[in-house]
Structures are given as C-alpha cells and as structure tokens.
Amino acid sequence: MARQRISFTRPNDEWLNAQVDNQEYFSKSELVKDLIRQAKYQPLQIDWIRAKLEKSENSGFTKEGKEQILAQSYSPLNE
C-alpha cells in the first residue's frame, strides 16, 4: 500500500478530528479511505437512481419529468 502525506485546511482537519473523537472512525486515515470509497461509488448510485427515475417516467406512472421529481425529493430537506 502506498503511503501518502496530505494536508488539510483547518476547518477540514477539525471536522476529521471530530469524527475520530466521536468514535465514528478509529483514525483520520480510516475516515479518508472511507470517503474515497464513497466518492468512487457515488456515480454508480447516481446512475442507479437516474435509471429508476427514467423507468418510472417512461412507465406512465407519473407525468412529471426528472427535474420535477428531483426537486420534490429535495423539498423535505429544505423545510
């Protein structure tokens, strides 16, 4: 495994330390590895959601477009 040395801005370092202090992760290294894994799989998740939206849209289940469905999915987060 290749070892790397990286630097973080103060706010990012404080956030990383808080995750470790809260025992969410054993170390900052473990947390960074998990964030990288999440970033790698995020496009797959987005493609899966997009395919589900398109299938629903094309099935006649709804007359709303992708943009409308997506906007509705965000609306509870903004309330």
PDB file of N, CA and C in Angstrom:
ATOM      1  N   MET A   1       0.842  -1.165   0.000  1.00  0.00           N
ATOM      2  CA  MET A   1       0.000   0.000   0.000  1.00  0.00           C
ATOM      3  C   MET A   1       0.896   1.238   0.000  1.00  0.00           C
ATOM      4  N   ALA A   2       0.610   2.157  -0.896  1.00  0.00           N
ATOM      5  CA  ALA A   2       1.388   3.392  -0.980  1.00  0.00           C
ATOM      6  C   ALA A   2       1.007   4.324   0.162  1.00  0.00           C
ATOM      7  N   ARG A   3       1.984   4.919   0.764  1.00  0.00           N
ATOM      8  CA  ARG A   3       1.735   5.881   1.833  1.00  0.00           C
ATOM      9  C   ARG A   3       1.765   7.276   1.239  1.00  0.00           C
ATOM     10  N   GLN A   4       0.866   8.094   1.707  1.00  0.00           N
ATOM     11  CA  GLN A   4       0.756   9.459   1.216  1.00  0.00           C
ATOM     12  C   GLN A   4       0.757  10.418   2.398  1.00  0.00           C
ATOM     13  N   ARG A   5       1.207  11.601   2.133  1.00  0.00           N
ATOM     14  CA  ARG A   5       1.137  12.653   3.144  1.00  0.00           C
ATOM     15  C   ARG A   5       0.283  13.759   2.550  1.00  0.00           C
ATOM     16  N   ILE A   6      -0.794  14.114   3.231  1.00  0.00           N
ATOM     17  CA  ILE A   6      -1.682  15.164   2.718  1.00  0.00           C
ATOM     18  C   ILE A   6      -1.916  16.205   3.803  1.00  0.00           C
ATOM     19  N   SER A   7      -2.251  17.390   3.367  1.00  0.00           N
ATOM     20  CA  SER A   7      -2.540  18.486   4.284  1.00  0.00           C
ATOM     21  C   SER A   7      -4.007  18.867   4.154  1.00  0.00           C
ATOM     22  N   PHE A   8      -4.590  19.305   5.262  1.00  0.00           N
ATOM     23  CA  PHE A   8      -5.982  19.727   5.288  1.00  0.00           C
ATOM     24  C   PHE A   8      -6.070  21.166   5.759  1.00  0.00           C
ATOM     25  N   THR A   9      -7.099  21.862   5.292  1.00  0.00           N
ATOM     26  CA  THR A   9      -7.369  23.186   5.840  1.00  0.00           C
ATOM     27  C   THR A   9      -7.819  23.004   7.290  1.00  0.00           C
ATOM     28  N   ARG A  10      -7.738  24.050   8.051  1.00  0.00           N
ATOM     29  CA  ARG A  10      -8.107  23.951   9.470  1.00  0.00           C
ATOM     30  C   ARG A  10      -9.541  23.444   9.659  1.00  0.00           C
ATOM     31  N   PRO A  11     -10.549  24.006   8.933  1.00  0.00           N
ATOM     32  CA  PRO A  11     -11.915  23.501   9.138  1.00  0.00           C
ATOM     33  C   PRO A  11     -12.051  22.010   8.791  1.00  0.00           C
ATOM     34  N   ASN A  12     -11.404  21.577   7.719  1.00  0.00           N
ATOM     35  CA  ASN A  12     -11.486  20.165   7.344  1.00  0.00           C
ATOM     36  C   ASN A  12     -10.780  19.284   8.373  1.00  0.00           C
ATOM     37  N   ASP A  13      -9.642  19.730   8.867  1.00  0.00           N
ATOM     38  CA  ASP A  13      -8.919  18.963   9.881  1.00  0.00           C
ATOM     39  C   ASP A  13      -9.733  18.872  11.168  1.00  0.00           C
ATOM     40  N   GLU A  14     -10.389  19.974  11.539  1.00  0.00           N
ATOM     41  CA  GLU A  14     -11.223  19.963  12.739  1.00  0.00           C
ATOM     42  C   GLU A  14     -12.392  19.003  12.571  1.00  0.00           C
ATOM     43  N   TRP A  15     -12.990  18.976  11.372  1.00  0.00           N
ATOM     44  CA  TRP A  15     -14.096  18.061  11.113  1.00  0.00           C
ATOM     45  C   TRP A  15     -13.618  16.610  11.190  1.00  0.00           C
ATOM     46  N   LEU A  16     -12.480  16.331  10.568  1.00  0.00           N
ATOM     47  CA  LEU A  16     -11.918  14.978  10.622  1.00  0.00           C
ATOM     48  C   LEU A  16     -11.653  14.557  12.067  1.00  0.00           C
ATOM     49  N   ASN A  17     -11.037  15.448  12.834  1.00  0.00           N
ATOM     50  CA  ASN A  17     -10.742  15.145  14.233  1.00  0.00           C
ATOM     51  C   ASN A  17     -12.021  14.901  15.028  1.00  0.00           C
ATOM     52  N   ALA A  18     -13.082  15.666  14.737  1.00  0.00           N
ATOM     53  CA  ALA A  18     -14.354  15.487  15.440  1.00  0.00           C
ATOM     54  C   ALA A  18     -14.941  14.106  15.161  1.00  0.00           C
ATOM     55  N   GLN A  19     -14.813  13.632  13.926  1.00  0.00           N
ATOM     56  CA  GLN A  19     -15.325  12.301  13.589  1.00  0.00           C
ATOM     57  C   GLN A  19     -14.570  11.226  14.350  1.00  0.00           C
ATOM     58  N   VAL A  20     -13.273  11.398  14.474  1.00  0.00           N
ATOM     59  CA  VAL A  20     -12.456  10.436  15.220  1.00  0.00           C
ATOM     60  C   VAL A  20     -12.770  10.553  16.719  1.00  0.00           C
ATOM     61  N   ASP A  21     -12.895  11.783  17.224  1.00  0.00           N
ATOM     62  CA  ASP A  21     -13.206  11.985  18.642  1.00  0.00           C
ATOM     63  C   ASP A  21     -14.568  11.397  19.010  1.00  0.00           C
ATOM     64  N   ASN A  22     -15.519  11.467  18.075  1.00  0.00           N
ATOM     65  CA  ASN A  22     -16.861  10.904  18.308  1.00  0.00           C
ATOM     66  C   ASN A  22     -16.881   9.391  18.127  1.00  0.00           C
ATOM     67  N   GLN A  23     -15.731   8.834  17.863  1.00  0.00           N
ATOM     68  CA  GLN A  23     -15.552   7.394  17.665  1.00  0.00           C
ATOM     69  C   GLN A  23     -16.337   6.874  16.463  1.00  0.00           C
ATOM     70  N   GLU A  24     -16.581   7.772  15.501  1.00  0.00           N
ATOM     71  CA  GLU A  24     -17.177   7.335  14.238  1.00  0.00           C
ATOM     72  C   GLU A  24     -16.155   6.519  13.448  1.00  0.00           C
ATOM     73  N   TYR A  25     -14.898   6.885  13.605  1.00  0.00           N
ATOM     74  CA  TYR A  25     -13.783   6.219  12.928  1.00  0.00           C
ATOM     75  C   TYR A  25     -12.640   6.067  13.921  1.00  0.00           C
ATOM     76  N   PHE A  26     -11.817   5.066  13.663  1.00  0.00           N
ATOM     77  CA  PHE A  26     -10.668   4.802  14.529  1.00  0.00           C
ATOM     78  C   PHE A  26      -9.564   5.829  14.317  1.00  0.00           C
ATOM     79  N   SER A  27      -9.416   6.289  13.059  1.00  0.00           N
ATOM     80  CA  SER A  27      -8.343   7.239  12.746  1.00  0.00           C
ATOM     81  C   SER A  27      -8.752   8.100  11.551  1.00  0.00           C
ATOM     82  N   LYS A  28      -8.021   9.186  11.355  1.00  0.00           N
ATOM     83  CA  LYS A  28      -8.274  10.024  10.178  1.00  0.00           C
ATOM     84  C   LYS A  28      -7.989   9.251   8.906  1.00  0.00           C
ATOM     85  N   SER A  29      -7.014   8.379   8.941  1.00  0.00           N
ATOM     86  CA  SER A  29      -6.679   7.573   7.775  1.00  0.00           C
ATOM     87  C   SER A  29      -7.865   6.688   7.376  1.00  0.00           C
ATOM     88  N   GLU A  30      -8.485   6.047   8.354  1.00  0.00           N
ATOM     89  CA  GLU A  30      -9.655   5.209   8.077  1.00  0.00           C
ATOM     90  C   GLU A  30     -10.787   6.046   7.490  1.00  0.00           C
ATOM     91  N   LEU A  31     -10.990   7.229   8.026  1.00  0.00           N
ATOM     92  CA  LEU A  31     -12.039   8.125   7.542  1.00  0.00           C
ATOM     93  C   LEU A  31     -11.781   8.558   6.105  1.00  0.00           C
ATOM     94  N   VAL A  32     -10.559   8.938   5.798  1.00  0.00           N
ATOM     95  CA  VAL A  32     -10.210   9.358   4.437  1.00  0.00           C
ATOM     96  C   VAL A  32     -10.417   8.204   3.456  1.00  0.00           C
ATOM     97  N   LYS A  33     -10.028   6.999   3.853  1.00  0.00           N
ATOM     98  CA  LYS A  33     -10.244   5.832   2.988  1.00  0.00           C
ATOM     99  C   LYS A  33     -11.734   5.618   2.725  1.00  0.00           C
ATOM    100  N   ASP A  34     -12.549   5.771   3.768  1.00  0.00           N
ATOM    101  CA  ASP A  34     -13.991   5.606   3.606  1.00  0.00           C
ATOM    102  C   ASP A  34     -14.570   6.687   2.688  1.00  0.00           C
ATOM    103  N   LEU A  35     -14.106   7.913   2.836  1.00  0.00           N
ATOM    104  CA  LEU A  35     -14.580   8.996   1.962  1.00  0.00           C
ATOM    105  C   LEU A  35     -14.211   8.726   0.503  1.00  0.00           C
ATOM    106  N   ILE A  36     -13.032   8.193   0.273  1.00  0.00           N
ATOM    107  CA  ILE A  36     -12.609   7.852  -1.087  1.00  0.00           C
ATOM    108  C   ILE A  36     -13.500   6.745  -1.650  1.00  0.00           C
ATOM    109  N   ARG A  37     -13.777   5.723  -0.839  1.00  0.00           N
ATOM    110  CA  ARG A  37     -14.671   4.636  -1.290  1.00  0.00           C
ATOM    111  C   ARG A  37     -16.042   5.185  -1.652  1.00  0.00           C
ATOM    112  N   GLN A  38     -16.566   6.066  -0.812  1.00  0.00           N
ATOM    113  CA  GLN A  38     -17.875   6.666  -1.086  1.00  0.00           C
ATOM    114  C   GLN A  38     -17.848   7.463  -2.387  1.00  0.00           C
ATOM    115  N   ALA A  39     -16.791   8.213  -2.591  1.00  0.00           N
ATOM    116  CA  ALA A  39     -16.674   9.021  -3.814  1.00  0.00           C
ATOM    117  C   ALA A  39     -16.590   8.133  -5.050  1.00  0.00           C
ATOM    118  N   LYS A  40     -15.954   6.974  -4.920  1.00  0.00           N
ATOM    119  CA  LYS A  40     -15.842   6.058  -6.056  1.00  0.00           C
ATOM    120  C   LYS A  40     -17.196   5.471  -6.438  1.00  0.00           C
ATOM    121  N   TYR A  41     -18.038   5.178  -5.442  1.00  0.00           N
ATOM    122  CA  TYR A  41     -19.311   4.521  -5.716  1.00  0.00           C
ATOM    123  C   TYR A  41     -20.465   5.495  -5.941  1.00  0.00           C
ATOM    124  N   GLN A  42     -20.268   6.753  -5.638  1.00  0.00           N
ATOM    125  CA  GLN A  42     -21.344   7.726  -5.803  1.00  0.00           C
ATOM    126  C   GLN A  42     -21.859   7.794  -7.244  1.00  0.00           C
ATOM    127  N   PRO A  43     -20.995   7.807  -8.263  1.00  0.00           N
ATOM    128  CA  PRO A  43     -21.525   7.829  -9.634  1.00  0.00           C
ATOM    129  C   PRO A  43     -22.392   6.610  -9.947  1.00  0.00           C
ATOM    130  N   LEU A  44     -22.061   5.452  -9.394  1.00  0.00           N
ATOM    131  CA  LEU A  44     -22.886   4.261  -9.598  1.00  0.00           C
ATOM    132  C   LEU A  44     -24.254   4.434  -8.961  1.00  0.00           C
ATOM    133  N   GLN A  45     -24.290   5.018  -7.784  1.00  0.00           N
ATOM    134  CA  GLN A  45     -25.559   5.260  -7.111  1.00  0.00           C
ATOM    135  C   GLN A  45     -26.399   6.264  -7.888  1.00  0.00           C
ATOM    136  N   ILE A  46     -25.762   7.308  -8.391  1.00  0.00           N
ATOM    137  CA  ILE A  46     -26.482   8.316  -9.175  1.00  0.00           C
ATOM    138  C   ILE A  46     -27.044   7.692 -10.439  1.00  0.00           C
ATOM    139  N   ASP A  47     -26.256   6.863 -11.117  1.00  0.00           N
ATOM    140  CA  ASP A  47     -26.742   6.185 -12.321  1.00  0.00           C
ATOM    141  C   ASP A  47     -27.919   5.282 -11.999  1.00  0.00           C
ATOM    142  N   TRP A  48     -27.875   4.585 -10.868  1.00  0.00           N
ATOM    143  CA  TRP A  48     -28.963   3.703 -10.469  1.00  0.00           C
ATOM    144  C   TRP A  48     -30.244   4.500 -10.230  1.00  0.00           C
ATOM    145  N   ILE A  49     -30.119   5.624  -9.511  1.00  0.00           N
ATOM    146  CA  ILE A  49     -31.275   6.484  -9.240  1.00  0.00           C
ATOM    147  C   ILE A  49     -31.817   7.054 -10.544  1.00  0.00           C
ATOM    148  N   ARG A  50     -30.930   7.499 -11.421  1.00  0.00           N
ATOM    149  CA  ARG A  50     -31.346   8.052 -12.711  1.00  0.00           C
ATOM    150  C   ARG A  50     -32.120   7.004 -13.521  1.00  0.00           C
ATOM    151  N   ALA A  51     -31.624   5.769 -13.532  1.00  0.00           N
ATOM    152  CA  ALA A  51     -32.301   4.702 -14.272  1.00  0.00           C
ATOM    153  C   ALA A  51     -33.683   4.435 -13.687  1.00  0.00           C
ATOM    154  N   LYS A  52     -33.790   4.435 -12.367  1.00  0.00           N
ATOM    155  CA  LYS A  52     -35.097   4.230 -11.725  1.00  0.00           C
ATOM    156  C   LYS A  52     -36.054   5.361 -12.066  1.00  0.00           C
ATOM    157  N   LEU A  53     -35.564   6.591 -12.057  1.00  0.00           N
ATOM    158  CA  LEU A  53     -36.407   7.732 -12.413  1.00  0.00           C
ATOM    159  C   LEU A  53     -36.886   7.633 -13.860  1.00  0.00           C
ATOM    160  N   GLU A  54     -35.973   7.294 -14.763  1.00  0.00           N
ATOM    161  CA  GLU A  54     -36.339   7.172 -16.172  1.00  0.00           C
ATOM    162  C   GLU A  54     -37.341   6.046 -16.385  1.00  0.00           C
ATOM    163  N   LYS A  55     -37.145   4.919 -15.713  1.00  0.00           N
ATOM    164  CA  LYS A  55     -38.076   3.798 -15.840  1.00  0.00           C
ATOM    165  C   LYS A  55     -39.463   4.210 -15.352  1.00  0.00           C
ATOM    166  N   SER A  56     -39.518   4.890 -14.210  1.00  0.00           N
ATOM    167  CA  SER A  56     -40.803   5.350 -13.679  1.00  0.00           C
ATOM    168  C   SER A  56     -41.449   6.368 -14.611  1.00  0.00           C
ATOM    169  N   GLU A  57     -40.648   7.278 -15.112  1.00  0.00           N
ATOM    170  CA  GLU A  57     -41.165   8.310 -16.007  1.00  0.00           C
ATOM    171  C   GLU A  57     -41.716   7.687 -17.284  1.00  0.00           C
ATOM    172  N   ASN A  58     -41.018   6.716 -17.825  1.00  0.00           N
ATOM    173  CA  ASN A  58     -41.429   6.089 -19.080  1.00  0.00           C
ATOM    174  C   ASN A  58     -42.573   5.095 -18.901  1.00  0.00           C
ATOM    175  N   SER A  59     -42.824   4.661 -17.674  1.00  0.00           N
ATOM    176  CA  SER A  59     -43.882   3.675 -17.442  1.00  0.00           C
ATOM    177  C   SER A  59     -45.257   4.313 -17.393  1.00  0.00           C
ATOM    178  N   GLY A  60     -45.308   5.633 -17.377  1.00  0.00           N
ATOM    179  CA  GLY A  60     -46.593   6.305 -17.280  1.00  0.00           C
ATOM    180  C   GLY A  60     -47.072   6.447 -15.848  1.00  0.00           C
ATOM    181  N   PHE A  61     -46.253   6.022 -14.913  1.00  0.00           N
ATOM    182  CA  PHE A  61     -46.609   6.119 -13.504  1.00  0.00           C
ATOM    183  C   PHE A  61     -46.789   7.574 -13.080  1.00  0.00           C
ATOM    184  N   THR A  62     -46.013   8.448 -13.691  1.00  0.00           N
ATOM    185  CA  THR A  62     -46.114   9.870 -13.393  1.00  0.00           C
ATOM    186  C   THR A  62     -45.943  10.657 -14.682  1.00  0.00           C
ATOM    187  N   LYS A  63     -46.504  11.823 -14.699  1.00  0.00           N
ATOM    188  CA  LYS A  63     -46.353  12.687 -15.868  1.00  0.00           C
ATOM    189  C   LYS A  63     -45.288  13.754 -15.616  1.00  0.00           C
ATOM    190  N   GLU A  64     -44.689  13.710 -14.433  1.00  0.00           N
ATOM    191  CA  GLU A  64     -43.659  14.688 -14.090  1.00  0.00           C
ATOM    192  C   GLU A  64     -42.324  14.257 -14.673  1.00  0.00           C
ATOM    193  N   GLY A  65     -41.509  15.230 -15.012  1.00  0.00           N
ATOM    194  CA  GLY A  65     -40.189  14.965 -15.551  1.00  0.00           C
ATOM    195  C   GLY A  65     -39.163  14.741 -14.455  1.00  0.00           C
ATOM    196  N   LYS A  66     -37.977  14.361 -14.870  1.00  0.00           N
ATOM    197  CA  LYS A  66     -36.890  14.099 -13.912  1.00  0.00           C
ATOM    198  C   LYS A  66     -36.624  15.294 -13.014  1.00  0.00           C
ATOM    199  N   GLU A  67     -36.635  16.482 -13.616  1.00  0.00           N
ATOM    200  CA  GLU A  67     -36.320  17.687 -12.841  1.00  0.00           C
ATOM    201  C   GLU A  67     -37.368  17.924 -11.759  1.00  0.00           C
ATOM    202  N   GLN A  68     -38.635  17.691 -12.087  1.00  0.00           N
ATOM    203  CA  GLN A  68     -39.699  17.888 -11.104  1.00  0.00           C
ATOM    204  C   GLN A  68     -39.609  16.863  -9.977  1.00  0.00           C
ATOM    205  N   ILE A  69     -39.350  15.621 -10.336  1.00  0.00           N
ATOM    206  CA  ILE A  69     -39.223  14.577  -9.323  1.00  0.00           C
ATOM    207  C   ILE A  69     -38.039  14.871  -8.408  1.00  0.00           C
ATOM    208  N   LEU A  70     -36.938  15.267  -8.997  1.00  0.00           N
ATOM    209  CA  LEU A  70     -35.753  15.584  -8.203  1.00  0.00           C
ATOM    210  C   LEU A  70     -36.015  16.765  -7.279  1.00  0.00           C
ATOM    211  N   ALA A  71     -36.679  17.793  -7.789  1.00  0.00           N
ATOM    212  CA  ALA A  71     -36.998  18.962  -6.963  1.00  0.00           C
ATOM    213  C   ALA A  71     -37.882  18.559  -5.783  1.00  0.00           C
ATOM    214  N   GLN A  72     -38.846  17.683  -6.035  1.00  0.00           N
ATOM    215  CA  GLN A  72     -39.717  17.218  -4.956  1.00  0.00           C
ATOM    216  C   GLN A  72     -38.931  16.407  -3.929  1.00  0.00           C
ATOM    217  N   SER A  73     -37.951  15.658  -4.380  1.00  0.00           N
ATOM    218  CA  SER A  73     -37.171  14.857  -3.431  1.00  0.00           C
ATOM    219  C   SER A  73     -36.344  15.736  -2.514  1.00  0.00           C
ATOM    220  N   TYR A  74     -35.966  16.919  -2.982  1.00  0.00           N
ATOM    221  CA  TYR A  74     -35.196  17.838  -2.157  1.00  0.00           C
ATOM    222  C   TYR A  74     -36.076  18.686  -1.246  1.00  0.00           C
ATOM    223  N   SER A  75     -37.346  18.861  -1.584  1.00  0.00           N
ATOM    224  CA  SER A  75     -38.192  19.783  -0.844  1.00  0.00           C
ATOM    225  C   SER A  75     -38.292  19.446   0.643  1.00  0.00           C
ATOM    226  N   PRO A  76     -38.402  18.180   1.074  1.00  0.00           N
ATOM    227  CA  PRO A  76     -38.434  17.933   2.520  1.00  0.00           C
ATOM    228  C   PRO A  76     -37.145  18.344   3.220  1.00  0.00           C
ATOM    229  N   LEU A  77     -36.034  18.346   2.494  1.00  0.00           N
ATOM    230  CA  LEU A  77     -34.764  18.745   3.101  1.00  0.00           C
ATOM    231  C   LEU A  77     -34.698  20.222   3.353  1.00  0.00           C
ATOM    232  N   ASN A  78     -35.482  20.994   2.611  1.00  0.00           N
ATOM    233  CA  ASN A  78     -35.425  22.447   2.713  1.00  0.00           C
ATOM    234  C   ASN A  78     -36.481  23.011   3.667  1.00  0.00           C
ATOM    235  N   GLU A  79     -37.321  22.165   4.206  1.00  0.00           N
ATOM    236  CA  GLU A  79     -38.390  22.647   5.082  1.00  0.00           C
ATOM    237  C   GLU A  79     -37.915  22.755   6.508  1.00  0.00           C
TER     238      GLU A  79
END
